[in-house]
C-alpha atoms as a PDB file:
ATOM      1  CA  UNK A   1       0.000   0.000   0.000  1.00  0.00           C
ATOM      2  CA  UNK A   2       2.825   2.420   0.834  1.00  0.00           C
ATOM      3  CA  UNK A   3       4.448   1.801  -2.541  1.00  0.00           C
ATOM      4  CA  UNK A   4       1.181   2.627  -4.305  1.00  0.00           C
ATOM      5  CA  UNK A   5       0.760   5.852  -2.287  1.00  0.00           C
ATOM      6  CA  UNK A   6       4.354   6.880  -3.018  1.00  0.00           C
ATOM      7  CA  UNK A   7       3.998   6.159  -6.730  1.00  0.00           C
ATOM      8  CA  UNK A   8       0.699   8.028  -6.949  1.00  0.00           C
ATOM      9  CA  UNK A   9       2.036  11.131  -5.189  1.00  0.00           C
ATOM     10  CA  UNK A  10       5.291  11.105  -7.141  1.00  0.00           C
ATOM     11  CA  UNK A  11       3.580  10.803 -10.520  1.00  0.00           C
ATOM     12  CA  UNK A  12       0.919  13.346  -9.543  1.00  0.00           C
ATOM     13  CA  UNK A  13       3.698  15.820  -8.779  1.00  0.00           C
ATOM     14  CA  UNK A  14       5.268  15.292 -12.186  1.00  0.00           C
ATOM     15  CA  UNK A  15       2.049  15.308 -14.197  1.00  0.00           C
ATOM     16  CA  UNK A  16       0.252  18.090 -12.318  1.00  0.00           C
ATOM     17  CA  UNK A  17       3.335  20.313 -12.447  1.00  0.00           C
ATOM     18  CA  UNK A  18       3.452  19.952 -16.224  1.00  0.00           C
ATOM     19  CA  UNK A  19      -0.298  20.431 -16.689  1.00  0.00           C
ATOM     20  CA  UNK A  20      -0.366  23.569 -14.523  1.00  0.00           C
ATOM     21  CA  UNK A  21       2.628  24.957 -16.437  1.00  0.00           C
ATOM     22  CA  UNK A  22       0.509  24.802 -19.621  1.00  0.00           C
ATOM     23  CA  UNK A  23       2.696  22.022 -21.001  1.00  0.00           C
ATOM     24  CA  UNK A  24       5.868  24.098 -20.909  1.00  0.00           C
ATOM     25  CA  UNK A  25       8.801  21.753 -20.346  1.00  0.00           C
ATOM     26  CA  UNK A  26      10.819  22.086 -17.164  1.00  0.00           C
ATOM     27  CA  UNK A  27      14.029  23.974 -17.997  1.00  0.00           C
ATOM     28  CA  UNK A  28      17.354  22.194 -18.130  1.00  0.00           C
ATOM     29  CA  UNK A  29      19.679  23.046 -15.242  1.00  0.00           C
ATOM     30  CA  UNK A  30      22.363  23.547 -17.904  1.00  0.00           C
ATOM     31  CA  UNK A  31      20.238  26.038 -19.865  1.00  0.00           C
ATOM     32  CA  UNK A  32      20.405  29.783 -19.930  1.00  0.00           C
ATOM     33  CA  UNK A  33      19.910  31.437 -16.556  1.00  0.00           C
ATOM     34  CA  UNK A  34      17.351  33.857 -17.957  1.00  0.00           C
ATOM     35  CA  UNK A  35      15.189  31.027 -19.299  1.00  0.00           C
ATOM     36  CA  UNK A  36      15.284  29.210 -15.963  1.00  0.00           C
ATOM     37  CA  UNK A  37      14.380  32.310 -13.972  1.00  0.00           C
ATOM     38  CA  UNK A  38      11.569  33.157 -16.414  1.00  0.00           C
ATOM     39  CA  UNK A  39      10.110  29.644 -16.076  1.00  0.00           C
ATOM     40  CA  UNK A  40      10.049  29.778 -12.283  1.00  0.00           C
ATOM     41  CA  UNK A  41       8.589  33.281 -12.246  1.00  0.00           C
ATOM     42  CA  UNK A  42       5.923  32.430 -14.815  1.00  0.00           C
ATOM     43  CA  UNK A  43       4.953  29.048 -13.371  1.00  0.00           C
ATOM     44  CA  UNK A  44       5.535  29.556  -9.647  1.00  0.00           C
ATOM     45  CA  UNK A  45       2.233  27.939  -8.621  1.00  0.00           C
ATOM     46  CA  UNK A  46       2.950  24.825 -10.703  1.00  0.00           C
ATOM     47  CA  UNK A  47       6.420  24.531  -9.171  1.00  0.00           C
ATOM     48  CA  UNK A  48       5.037  24.929  -5.628  1.00  0.00           C
ATOM     49  CA  UNK A  49       2.347  22.289  -6.121  1.00  0.00           C
ATOM     50  CA  UNK A  50       4.790  19.904  -7.761  1.00  0.00           C
ATOM     51  CA  UNK A  51       7.259  20.421  -4.912  1.00  0.00           C
ATOM     52  CA  UNK A  52       4.587  19.850  -2.272  1.00  0.00           C
ATOM     53  CA  UNK A  53       3.548  16.582  -3.899  1.00  0.00           C
ATOM     54  CA  UNK A  54       7.159  15.445  -4.197  1.00  0.00           C
ATOM     55  CA  UNK A  55       7.646  16.231  -0.496  1.00  0.00           C
ATOM     56  CA  UNK A  56       4.480  14.301   0.344  1.00  0.00           C
ATOM     57  CA  UNK A  57       5.818  11.333  -1.651  1.00  0.00           C
ATOM     58  CA  UNK A  58       9.017  11.233   0.411  1.00  0.00           C
ATOM     59  CA  UNK A  59       7.176  10.290   3.605  1.00  0.00           C
ATOM     60  CA  UNK A  60       5.630   6.980   2.451  1.00  0.00           C
ATOM     61  CA  UNK A  61       8.909   6.139   0.704  1.00  0.00           C
ATOM     62  CA  UNK A  62      10.850   6.446   3.972  1.00  0.00           C
ATOM     63  CA  UNK A  63       8.222   4.422   5.858  1.00  0.00           C
ATOM     64  CA  UNK A  64       8.248   1.776   3.125  1.00  0.00           C
ATOM     65  CA  UNK A  65      12.044   1.468   3.259  1.00  0.00           C
ATOM     66  CA  UNK A  66      11.982   1.046   7.040  1.00  0.00           C
ATOM     67  CA  UNK A  67       9.131  -1.485   6.866  1.00  0.00           C
ATOM     68  CA  UNK A  68      10.813  -3.628   4.222  1.00  0.00           C
ATOM     69  CA  UNK A  69      14.120  -3.585   6.080  1.00  0.00           C
ATOM     70  CA  UNK A  70      12.454  -4.584   9.367  1.00  0.00           C
ATOM     71  CA  UNK A  71      10.558  -7.393   7.655  1.00  0.00           C
ATOM     72  CA  UNK A  72      13.714  -8.738   6.055  1.00  0.00           C
ATOM     73  CA  UNK A  73      15.487  -8.724   9.421  1.00  0.00           C
ATOM     74  CA  UNK A  74      12.488 -10.436  11.055  1.00  0.00           C
ATOM     75  CA  UNK A  75      12.621 -13.139   8.368  1.00  0.00           C
ATOM     76  CA  UNK A  76      16.226 -13.809   9.304  1.00  0.00           C
ATOM     77  CA  UNK A  77      17.994 -12.121   6.405  1.00  0.00           C
ATOM     78  CA  UNK A  78      21.378 -11.118   7.764  1.00  0.00           C
ATOM     79  CA  UNK A  79      22.992 -10.173   4.467  1.00  0.00           C
ATOM     80  CA  UNK A  80      24.049  -6.545   4.136  1.00  0.00           C
ATOM     81  CA  UNK A  81      21.461  -6.046   1.400  1.00  0.00           C
ATOM     82  CA  UNK A  82      18.667  -5.409   3.922  1.00  0.00           C
ATOM     83  CA  UNK A  83      20.607  -2.595   5.582  1.00  0.00           C
ATOM     84  CA  UNK A  84      21.728  -1.222   2.232  1.00  0.00           C
ATOM     85  CA  UNK A  85      18.086  -1.159   1.090  1.00  0.00           C
ATOM     86  CA  UNK A  86      17.137   0.818   4.207  1.00  0.00           C
ATOM     87  CA  UNK A  87      19.938   3.316   3.692  1.00  0.00           C
ATOM     88  CA  UNK A  88      19.132   3.723  -0.004  1.00  0.00           C
ATOM     89  CA  UNK A  89      15.420   4.179   0.659  1.00  0.00           C
ATOM     90  CA  UNK A  90      16.060   6.826   3.305  1.00  0.00           C
ATOM     91  CA  UNK A  91      18.541   8.634   1.065  1.00  0.00           C
ATOM     92  CA  UNK A  92      16.075   8.607  -1.832  1.00  0.00           C
ATOM     93  CA  UNK A  93      13.370  10.009   0.447  1.00  0.00           C
ATOM     94  CA  UNK A  94      15.793  12.680   1.646  1.00  0.00           C
ATOM     95  CA  UNK A  95      16.614  13.736  -1.908  1.00  0.00           C
ATOM     96  CA  UNK A  96      12.904  14.320  -2.559  1.00  0.00           C
ATOM     97  CA  UNK A  97      12.760  16.890   0.245  1.00  0.00           C
ATOM     98  CA  UNK A  98      12.841  20.516  -0.884  1.00  0.00           C
ATOM     99  CA  UNK A  99      16.019  22.470  -0.313  1.00  0.00           C
ATOM    100  CA  UNK A 100      15.596  25.573   1.788  1.00  0.00           C
ATOM    101  CA  UNK A 101      17.029  28.734   0.313  1.00  0.00           C
ATOM    102  CA  UNK A 102      19.455  30.795   2.345  1.00  0.00           C
ATOM    103  CA  UNK A 103      19.158  34.539   2.705  1.00  0.00           C
ATOM    104  CA  UNK A 104      22.038  35.098   0.276  1.00  0.00           C
ATOM    105  CA  UNK A 105      20.143  33.215  -2.469  1.00  0.00           C
ATOM    106  CA  UNK A 106      16.988  35.321  -2.126  1.00  0.00           C
END
């Protein structure tokens, strides 16, 4: 169930962000600075909603990683793969969290 919730929220963030941006593609991080700034100024609501859904997706992903790791340990799996799966799941959930801007970046 957690995997389904994560997948739904993650995909909703991608799809809804694109739909609300009127189909404009997300700018490349290697593109022109002016184009990137214009996209975020023009489509700020789409970016906020997409970011909120991506943040919401990180929570069930972290819970899922912890649940799967605990189940594997309970089943007697002592290979490092169970701990590696937990670490990878928590790192992936952490990378979905939004980065807070500092005052210098404002």
